[in-house]
């Protein structure tokens, strides 16, 4: 039975499966964020207000928070390839249903179903790439897979929004459905079949959650994402009303944010396997400082653009590292933990955006979301500092793959990834 990674990659290279799953993540990241650019047209076509149409974004986030762990457990005993194919097929079907419907309720339900499929895909995908890349490159592999999400912000979302202006909002939905169907066929063809590991059970997955270090990593994921997205959600009024940037130029700034996020994910993936705690603590501190600086310096267009790019670069450096740490801490029962990391990020997005919205309506005004983001990023230092202390005296076993050709060896016990 072949390994999930296929043939062994050359030293320093990642297995082919990592790039395949990164492509799937690109599609799912695009559908999560492209809605923001299509809301006015969707609201008009479906006969609801724009604020009511915003529930399509909230529903997806809630579906990811709750559905990710649920679907991870529901598919635990399925072969990994079968889980990925079913998730992509469900993702495609959900977009078809939304594209042909004229009912807001149906579209809302389709978004929830799509979120469930996305949660299942990410949960299994993170486990596969971590195991396939091996202990020396696991964080880098997670970074590449998460890079598909950040690339969606740079390429997928702008293209989807532009296509929606030409074809209507249903056009991007049809395109995502077709691409997901092709991805399902591609995964079914090129990712080897894996055997079910009967020794891994729901009880083992839940038992893995007893590790305190795991919850520290998840907490860091919540607060760093909450900090960055609290600011990003309301960045447009800050750019136009405070920095004086023309509305037509705002998409270019958003692309700069996406480019920073993509770069940060790559940096975190590269540095995270060698110096995870030094990298995350430095990046979180830098994110907090940059967001604080955005408050007084956002009256300058050049400074505002530069700080938006830099805060996304620093903030997204943390993500692949804490994701990889969480999966490693779970040992040989990582599927539920992998799903919980996705829930953690979406919890941060939902909570950070909600608090930032309240701050925007307060006396803080346009700088309120940046202040919320800065405080949240600074709070990330607390769980990271605790991990730096706890991680130095423990060892963590790298997760085994669910294949007959791959076994965890004694030499795969590696120092806790919290080394400096």
Protein backbone atom coordinates (compact mmCIF):
# COMPACT_ATOMS: atom_id res chain seq x y z
CA UNK A 1 0.00 0.00 0.00
CA UNK A 2 1.57 3.32 -0.96
CA UNK A 3 2.15 6.06 1.53
CA UNK A 4 -0.21 8.99 1.48
CA UNK A 5 2.64 11.08 0.31
CA UNK A 6 3.20 8.99 -2.74
CA UNK A 7 6.82 8.42 -3.65
CA UNK A 8 9.35 9.82 -1.25
CA UNK A 9 10.12 13.45 -2.09
CA UNK A 10 13.62 14.70 -2.60
CA UNK A 11 15.30 16.12 0.51
CA UNK A 12 13.94 19.56 1.28
CA UNK A 13 10.90 19.08 -0.98
CA UNK A 14 7.35 18.61 0.20
CA UNK A 15 5.23 15.63 -0.90
CA UNK A 16 2.88 16.18 -3.83
CA UNK A 17 -0.16 15.63 -1.59
CA UNK A 18 0.61 18.87 0.26
CA UNK A 19 0.19 20.92 -2.92
CA UNK A 20 -2.98 19.05 -3.89
CA UNK A 21 -4.61 19.87 -0.55
CA UNK A 22 -3.38 23.47 -0.73
CA UNK A 23 -5.34 23.80 -3.99
CA UNK A 24 -8.48 22.51 -2.27
CA UNK A 25 -7.94 24.97 0.57
CA UNK A 26 -7.71 27.76 -2.01
CA UNK A 27 -11.23 26.96 -3.25
CA UNK A 28 -12.65 26.83 0.25
CA UNK A 29 -10.94 30.03 1.32
CA UNK A 30 -12.33 31.77 -1.75
CA UNK A 31 -15.92 30.80 -0.96
CA UNK A 32 -15.58 31.91 2.68
CA UNK A 33 -14.44 35.45 1.87
CA UNK A 34 -15.77 36.22 -1.62
CA UNK A 35 -19.27 36.76 -0.20
CA UNK A 36 -18.16 40.11 1.23
CA UNK A 37 -17.72 41.52 -2.27
CA UNK A 38 -21.03 40.09 -3.51
CA UNK A 39 -23.32 41.05 -0.60
CA UNK A 40 -25.08 44.08 -2.14
CA UNK A 41 -26.02 42.22 -5.31
CA UNK A 42 -27.03 39.07 -3.42
CA UNK A 43 -29.18 41.13 -1.07
CA UNK A 44 -31.00 42.79 -3.96
CA UNK A 45 -31.50 39.54 -5.87
CA UNK A 46 -32.72 37.57 -2.84
CA UNK A 47 -34.93 40.37 -1.54
CA UNK A 48 -33.23 41.05 1.80
CA UNK A 49 -31.28 43.95 3.29
CA UNK A 50 -27.49 44.02 3.07
CA UNK A 51 -27.20 43.61 6.83
CA UNK A 52 -29.50 40.59 6.67
CA UNK A 53 -27.47 39.16 3.79
CA UNK A 54 -24.44 39.43 6.07
CA UNK A 55 -25.84 36.37 7.85
CA UNK A 56 -24.39 34.37 4.95
CA UNK A 57 -20.93 35.19 6.32
CA UNK A 58 -21.94 34.54 9.92
CA UNK A 59 -23.58 31.24 9.01
CA UNK A 60 -20.42 30.01 7.33
CA UNK A 61 -18.30 30.94 10.35
CA UNK A 62 -20.71 29.20 12.74
CA UNK A 63 -20.78 26.16 10.48
CA UNK A 64 -17.00 26.00 10.64
CA UNK A 65 -16.87 26.49 14.42
CA UNK A 66 -19.42 23.81 15.25
CA UNK A 67 -19.30 21.62 12.18
CA UNK A 68 -15.54 21.13 11.92
CA UNK A 69 -15.17 19.01 15.08
CA UNK A 70 -18.52 17.32 14.47
CA UNK A 71 -17.62 16.27 10.95
CA UNK A 72 -14.14 15.22 12.05
CA UNK A 73 -15.68 12.73 14.47
CA UNK A 74 -18.37 11.63 12.01
CA UNK A 75 -15.74 10.74 9.39
CA UNK A 76 -13.10 9.38 11.79
CA UNK A 77 -13.48 5.77 10.65
CA UNK A 78 -13.61 6.60 6.94
CA UNK A 79 -10.47 6.33 4.79
CA UNK A 80 -8.90 9.75 4.48
CA UNK A 81 -9.15 9.91 0.70
CA UNK A 82 -12.85 9.05 0.84
CA UNK A 83 -13.42 11.82 3.40
CA UNK A 84 -11.68 14.39 1.19
CA UNK A 85 -13.60 13.34 -1.93
CA UNK A 86 -16.94 13.43 -0.12
CA UNK A 87 -16.15 16.84 1.38
CA UNK A 88 -15.29 18.31 -2.03
CA UNK A 89 -18.38 16.74 -3.62
CA UNK A 90 -20.61 18.17 -0.88
CA UNK A 91 -18.90 21.53 -1.29
CA UNK A 92 -19.67 21.46 -5.04
CA UNK A 93 -23.29 20.41 -4.49
CA UNK A 94 -23.84 23.17 -1.94
CA UNK A 95 -22.73 25.78 -4.45
CA UNK A 96 -24.97 24.35 -7.15
CA UNK A 97 -27.99 24.50 -4.81
CA UNK A 98 -27.19 28.11 -3.90
CA UNK A 99 -26.64 29.10 -7.54
CA UNK A 100 -30.04 27.80 -8.72
CA UNK A 101 -32.06 29.03 -5.74
CA UNK A 102 -33.98 32.28 -5.40
CA UNK A 103 -34.62 31.78 -1.69
CA UNK A 104 -32.41 33.43 0.89
CA UNK A 105 -33.20 30.63 3.38
CA UNK A 106 -32.06 27.95 0.94
CA UNK A 107 -28.87 29.84 0.17
CA UNK A 108 -28.24 30.25 3.90
CA UNK A 109 -28.66 26.50 4.49
CA UNK A 110 -26.39 25.77 1.54
CA UNK A 111 -23.72 27.98 3.13
CA UNK A 112 -23.93 26.01 6.39
CA UNK A 113 -23.62 22.70 4.53
CA UNK A 114 -20.67 24.08 2.58
CA UNK A 115 -19.03 25.11 5.86
CA UNK A 116 -19.47 21.59 7.24
CA UNK A 117 -17.72 20.17 4.19
CA UNK A 118 -14.94 22.72 4.52
CA UNK A 119 -14.43 21.80 8.17
CA UNK A 120 -14.15 18.10 7.32
CA UNK A 121 -11.68 18.82 4.51
CA UNK A 122 -9.42 20.97 6.67
CA UNK A 123 -9.50 18.60 9.64
CA UNK A 124 -8.34 15.61 7.61
CA UNK A 125 -6.10 17.69 5.36
CA UNK A 126 -4.00 19.08 8.22
CA UNK A 127 -3.47 15.56 9.57
CA UNK A 128 -2.41 14.25 6.16
CA UNK A 129 0.09 17.00 5.34
CA UNK A 130 1.62 16.91 8.84
CA UNK A 131 2.20 13.18 8.62
CA UNK A 132 3.28 13.15 4.98
CA UNK A 133 5.91 15.85 5.42
CA UNK A 134 7.48 14.26 8.51
CA UNK A 135 8.70 15.90 11.71
CA UNK A 136 11.35 18.04 10.01
CA UNK A 137 8.91 19.75 7.61
CA UNK A 138 5.49 19.46 9.27
CA UNK A 139 5.08 23.17 10.02
CA UNK A 140 6.22 24.07 6.52
CA UNK A 141 3.64 21.67 5.07
CA UNK A 142 0.89 23.20 7.21
CA UNK A 143 2.07 26.62 6.06
CA UNK A 144 1.73 25.61 2.41
CA UNK A 145 -1.76 24.21 2.95
CA UNK A 146 -2.81 27.35 4.84
CA UNK A 147 -1.14 29.33 2.05
CA UNK A 148 -4.01 28.18 -0.15
CA UNK A 149 -6.33 30.10 2.17
CA UNK A 150 -4.27 33.28 2.11
CA UNK A 151 -3.77 32.99 -1.66
CA UNK A 152 -7.55 32.92 -1.91
CA UNK A 153 -7.56 36.43 -0.41
CA UNK A 154 -4.94 37.65 -2.88
CA UNK A 155 -6.27 36.02 -6.06
CA UNK A 156 -9.52 34.12 -5.54
CA UNK A 157 -11.55 36.79 -3.76
CA UNK A 158 -10.68 39.69 -6.13
CA UNK A 159 -11.29 37.51 -9.20
CA UNK A 160 -14.55 36.20 -7.73
CA UNK A 161 -15.75 39.69 -6.90
CA UNK A 162 -14.84 40.96 -10.38
CA UNK A 163 -16.54 37.98 -12.03
CA UNK A 164 -19.63 38.60 -9.92
CA UNK A 165 -19.89 42.14 -11.28
CA UNK A 166 -19.93 40.74 -14.83
CA UNK A 167 -21.95 37.53 -14.49
CA UNK A 168 -23.95 38.23 -11.35
CA UNK A 169 -23.29 36.62 -7.96
CA UNK A 170 -24.32 33.19 -9.24
CA UNK A 171 -21.39 33.08 -11.67
CA UNK A 172 -18.68 32.66 -8.99
CA UNK A 173 -20.84 30.03 -7.27
CA UNK A 174 -21.04 27.99 -10.47
CA UNK A 175 -17.30 28.36 -11.01
CA UNK A 176 -16.53 27.16 -7.48
CA UNK A 177 -18.87 24.19 -7.94
CA UNK A 178 -17.13 23.10 -11.14
CA UNK A 179 -13.64 23.57 -9.70
CA UNK A 180 -14.55 21.63 -6.55
CA UNK A 181 -15.92 18.75 -8.65
CA UNK A 182 -12.67 18.68 -10.62
CA UNK A 183 -10.69 18.76 -7.36
CA UNK A 184 -12.71 15.81 -6.04
CA UNK A 185 -11.87 13.82 -9.16
CA UNK A 186 -8.22 14.83 -8.87
CA UNK A 187 -7.99 13.81 -5.20
CA UNK A 188 -9.71 10.51 -5.95
CA UNK A 189 -7.18 9.84 -8.69
CA UNK A 190 -3.89 10.97 -7.19
CA UNK A 191 -4.13 10.54 -3.41
CA UNK A 192 -3.54 6.88 -2.47
CA UNK A 193 -6.08 4.92 -0.47
CA UNK A 194 -5.31 4.74 3.24
CA UNK A 195 -6.32 2.10 5.69
CA UNK A 196 -8.54 2.81 8.64
CA UNK A 197 -6.64 2.77 11.91
CA UNK A 198 -8.96 0.82 14.18
CA UNK A 199 -6.92 1.73 17.24
CA UNK A 200 -7.89 5.39 16.85
CA UNK A 201 -11.35 5.98 18.30
CA UNK A 202 -13.56 8.82 19.34
CA UNK A 203 -12.48 8.15 22.93
CA UNK A 204 -8.81 8.48 21.96
CA UNK A 205 -9.50 11.71 20.11
CA UNK A 206 -11.31 13.20 23.10
CA UNK A 207 -8.60 11.95 25.46
CA UNK A 208 -6.02 13.86 23.43
CA UNK A 209 -7.78 17.09 24.44
CA UNK A 210 -6.59 16.69 28.03
CA UNK A 211 -3.24 18.27 27.20
CA UNK A 212 -2.96 21.77 28.57
CA UNK A 213 -0.42 22.74 25.92
CA UNK A 214 -2.96 21.94 23.24
CA UNK A 215 -5.44 24.45 24.68
CA UNK A 216 -2.70 27.06 24.94
CA UNK A 217 -2.01 26.65 21.21
CA UNK A 218 -5.72 26.89 20.42
CA UNK A 219 -6.07 30.00 22.59
CA UNK A 220 -3.19 31.62 20.71
CA UNK A 221 -4.97 30.81 17.45
CA UNK A 222 -8.17 32.49 18.67
CA UNK A 223 -6.63 35.73 19.91
CA UNK A 224 -4.12 36.33 17.10
CA UNK A 225 -6.76 35.79 14.42
CA UNK A 226 -9.25 37.86 16.40
CA UNK A 227 -6.74 40.71 16.55
CA UNK A 228 -5.88 40.77 12.86
CA UNK A 229 -9.42 40.23 11.57
CA UNK A 230 -10.94 42.71 14.04
CA UNK A 231 -8.96 45.38 12.24
CA UNK A 232 -9.33 43.94 8.74
CA UNK A 233 -13.12 43.66 8.92
CA UNK A 234 -13.50 47.43 9.30
CA UNK A 235 -10.37 48.54 7.45
CA UNK A 236 -12.27 50.17 4.56
CA UNK A 237 -13.77 53.10 6.54
CA UNK A 238 -10.39 53.64 8.21
CA UNK A 239 -8.69 53.85 4.82
CA UNK A 240 -11.27 56.08 3.15
CA UNK A 241 -12.48 58.35 5.95
CA UNK A 242 -9.31 58.69 8.02
CA UNK A 243 -6.40 58.04 5.63
CA UNK A 244 -8.17 59.72 2.69
CA UNK A 245 -7.56 56.85 0.27
CA UNK A 246 -10.04 56.85 -2.67
CA UNK A 247 -12.63 54.07 -2.61
CA UNK A 248 -11.41 52.81 -5.96
CA UNK A 249 -7.95 52.18 -4.49
CA UNK A 250 -9.17 50.21 -1.47
CA UNK A 251 -9.11 46.84 -3.33
CA UNK A 252 -5.41 47.39 -3.97
CA UNK A 253 -4.83 47.82 -0.25
CA UNK A 254 -6.81 44.66 0.42
CA UNK A 255 -4.60 42.83 -2.05
CA UNK A 256 -1.60 44.15 -0.10
CA UNK A 257 -3.17 42.68 3.05
CA UNK A 258 -3.58 39.33 1.29
CA UNK A 259 0.00 39.45 0.02
CA UNK A 260 1.20 40.10 3.56
CA UNK A 261 -0.87 37.19 4.85
CA UNK A 262 0.57 34.91 2.18
CA UNK A 263 4.09 36.02 3.01
CA UNK A 264 3.51 35.59 6.74
CA UNK A 265 2.17 32.07 6.26
CA UNK A 266 5.27 31.19 4.22
CA UNK A 267 7.61 32.72 6.80
CA UNK A 268 5.90 30.89 9.66
CA UNK A 269 6.05 27.63 7.73
CA UNK A 270 9.77 28.06 7.05
CA UNK A 271 10.84 29.15 10.52
CA UNK A 272 8.34 27.26 12.63
CA UNK A 273 10.05 23.87 12.54
CA UNK A 274 13.37 25.32 13.69
CA UNK A 275 12.43 28.09 16.15
CA UNK A 276 8.66 27.90 16.73
CA UNK A 277 8.37 29.81 19.99
CA UNK A 278 10.88 32.52 19.16
CA UNK A 279 9.10 33.05 15.83
CA UNK A 280 5.55 33.16 17.23
CA UNK A 281 6.38 35.40 20.20
CA UNK A 282 8.28 37.85 17.99
CA UNK A 283 5.51 37.87 15.38
CA UNK A 284 2.71 38.35 17.92
CA UNK A 285 4.56 41.21 19.62
CA UNK A 286 5.25 42.84 16.26
CA UNK A 287 1.57 42.51 15.31
CA UNK A 288 0.48 44.26 18.50
CA UNK A 289 2.98 47.10 17.98
CA UNK A 290 1.98 47.58 14.34
CA UNK A 291 -1.72 47.71 15.21
CA UNK A 292 -1.05 50.26 17.96
CA UNK A 293 0.91 52.36 15.47
CA UNK A 294 -2.00 52.21 13.04
CA UNK A 295 -4.06 54.33 15.45
CA UNK A 296 -1.96 57.54 15.28
CA UNK A 297 -0.38 56.97 11.85
CA UNK A 298 -3.50 56.06 9.87
CA UNK A 299 -3.99 59.69 8.88
CA UNK A 300 -1.16 59.17 6.38
CA UNK A 301 -2.14 57.10 3.31
CA UNK A 302 1.38 55.72 2.82
CA UNK A 303 1.76 54.80 6.48
CA UNK A 304 -1.69 53.20 6.61
CA UNK A 305 -1.00 50.98 3.58
CA UNK A 306 2.42 49.97 4.90
CA UNK A 307 1.04 49.10 8.33
CA UNK A 308 -1.84 47.07 6.86
CA UNK A 309 0.66 45.01 4.88
CA UNK A 310 3.06 44.57 7.81
CA UNK A 311 0.41 43.66 10.38
CA UNK A 312 -0.93 40.91 8.12
CA UNK A 313 2.62 39.70 7.45
CA UNK A 314 3.39 39.49 11.19
CA UNK A 315 -0.02 38.22 12.28
CA UNK A 316 -0.26 35.36 9.79
CA UNK A 317 3.24 34.18 10.66
CA UNK A 318 1.77 32.75 13.87
CA UNK A 319 -0.96 30.65 12.23
CA UNK A 320 0.88 27.69 10.66
CA UNK A 321 3.06 27.29 13.74
CA UNK A 322 0.27 27.10 16.33
CA UNK A 323 -1.69 24.81 13.99
CA UNK A 324 1.26 22.45 13.65
CA UNK A 325 1.89 22.54 17.41
CA UNK A 326 -1.72 21.66 18.16
CA UNK A 327 -1.65 18.68 15.80
CA UNK A 328 1.65 17.47 17.29
CA UNK A 329 0.41 17.83 20.87
CA UNK A 330 -2.51 15.53 20.03
CA UNK A 331 -0.08 12.68 19.31
CA UNK A 332 -1.68 9.79 17.44
CA UNK A 333 -5.25 11.10 17.78
CA UNK A 334 -5.01 14.41 15.90
CA UNK A 335 -8.18 14.60 13.81
CA UNK A 336 -10.43 16.29 16.37
CA UNK A 337 -7.62 18.64 17.35
CA UNK A 338 -7.07 19.58 13.72
CA UNK A 339 -10.77 20.44 13.41
CA UNK A 340 -10.62 22.48 16.60
CA UNK A 341 -7.84 24.65 15.18
CA UNK A 342 -10.18 25.61 12.36
CA UNK A 343 -12.89 26.32 14.91
CA UNK A 344 -10.42 28.42 16.90
CA UNK A 345 -9.60 30.64 13.92
CA UNK A 346 -13.25 31.13 13.07
CA UNK A 347 -14.07 31.86 16.71
CA UNK A 348 -11.41 34.55 16.65
CA UNK A 349 -12.84 35.97 13.43
CA UNK A 350 -16.40 36.04 14.80
CA UNK A 351 -15.51 37.41 18.23
CA UNK A 352 -12.93 39.90 17.00
CA UNK A 353 -15.24 41.30 14.35
CA UNK A 354 -18.14 41.61 16.82
CA UNK A 355 -16.05 43.44 19.44
CA UNK A 356 -14.48 45.65 16.76
CA UNK A 357 -17.94 46.58 15.49
CA UNK A 358 -18.91 47.70 18.98
CA UNK A 359 -15.70 49.71 19.26
CA UNK A 360 -16.38 51.35 15.90
CA UNK A 361 -19.77 52.55 17.16
CA UNK A 362 -18.28 53.90 20.39
CA UNK A 363 -16.42 57.13 21.06
CA UNK A 364 -13.26 55.45 19.72
CA UNK A 365 -14.69 55.72 16.22
CA UNK A 366 -12.59 54.63 13.25
CA UNK A 367 -9.58 53.71 15.37
CA UNK A 368 -11.62 51.45 17.67
CA UNK A 369 -11.13 48.25 15.63
CA UNK A 370 -7.36 48.80 15.47
CA UNK A 371 -7.23 49.22 19.25
CA UNK A 372 -9.24 46.03 19.73
CA UNK A 373 -6.88 44.25 17.37
CA UNK A 374 -3.78 45.53 19.14
CA UNK A 375 -5.02 44.41 22.55
CA UNK A 376 -6.00 40.99 21.21
CA UNK A 377 -2.60 40.53 19.52
CA UNK A 378 -0.85 41.52 22.74
CA UNK A 379 -2.91 38.94 24.66
CA UNK A 380 -1.53 36.28 22.31
CA UNK A 381 1.76 36.61 24.14
CA UNK A 382 0.26 35.05 27.29
CA UNK A 383 -0.48 31.54 25.92
CA UNK A 384 2.68 31.65 23.79
CA UNK A 385 4.84 32.46 26.81
CA UNK A 386 3.22 29.62 28.74
CA UNK A 387 3.94 27.27 25.84
CA UNK A 388 7.56 28.38 25.76
CA UNK A 389 7.90 27.35 29.40
CA UNK A 390 5.88 24.12 29.32
CA UNK A 391 7.20 22.93 25.98
CA UNK A 392 10.84 22.80 27.00
CA UNK A 393 10.35 19.88 29.38
CA UNK A 394 8.17 17.61 27.25
CA UNK A 395 8.46 15.51 24.13
CA UNK A 396 5.76 15.06 21.55
CA UNK A 397 5.36 12.15 19.19
CA UNK A 398 4.75 13.05 15.58
CA UNK A 399 1.39 11.85 14.35
CA UNK A 400 1.39 8.59 12.43
CA UNK A 401 -0.22 8.24 9.03
CA UNK A 402 -3.17 5.96 8.50
CA UNK A 403 -1.42 3.83 5.94
CA UNK A 404 0.05 0.33 5.97
CA UNK A 405 3.28 1.66 4.52
CA UNK A 406 3.90 4.27 7.19
CA UNK A 407 4.63 3.59 10.82
CA UNK A 408 5.79 5.84 13.61
CA UNK A 409 9.34 4.89 14.48
CA UNK A 410 11.17 5.41 17.73
CA UNK A 411 13.38 7.99 16.06
CA UNK A 412 10.30 10.04 15.20
CA UNK A 413 9.96 11.17 18.79
CA UNK A 414 11.10 14.73 18.54
CA UNK A 415 11.69 17.45 21.07
CA UNK A 416 8.66 19.50 21.87
CA UNK A 417 8.24 22.10 19.17
CA UNK A 418 8.52 24.79 21.80
CA UNK A 419 12.31 24.76 21.75
CA UNK A 420 14.23 27.96 21.24
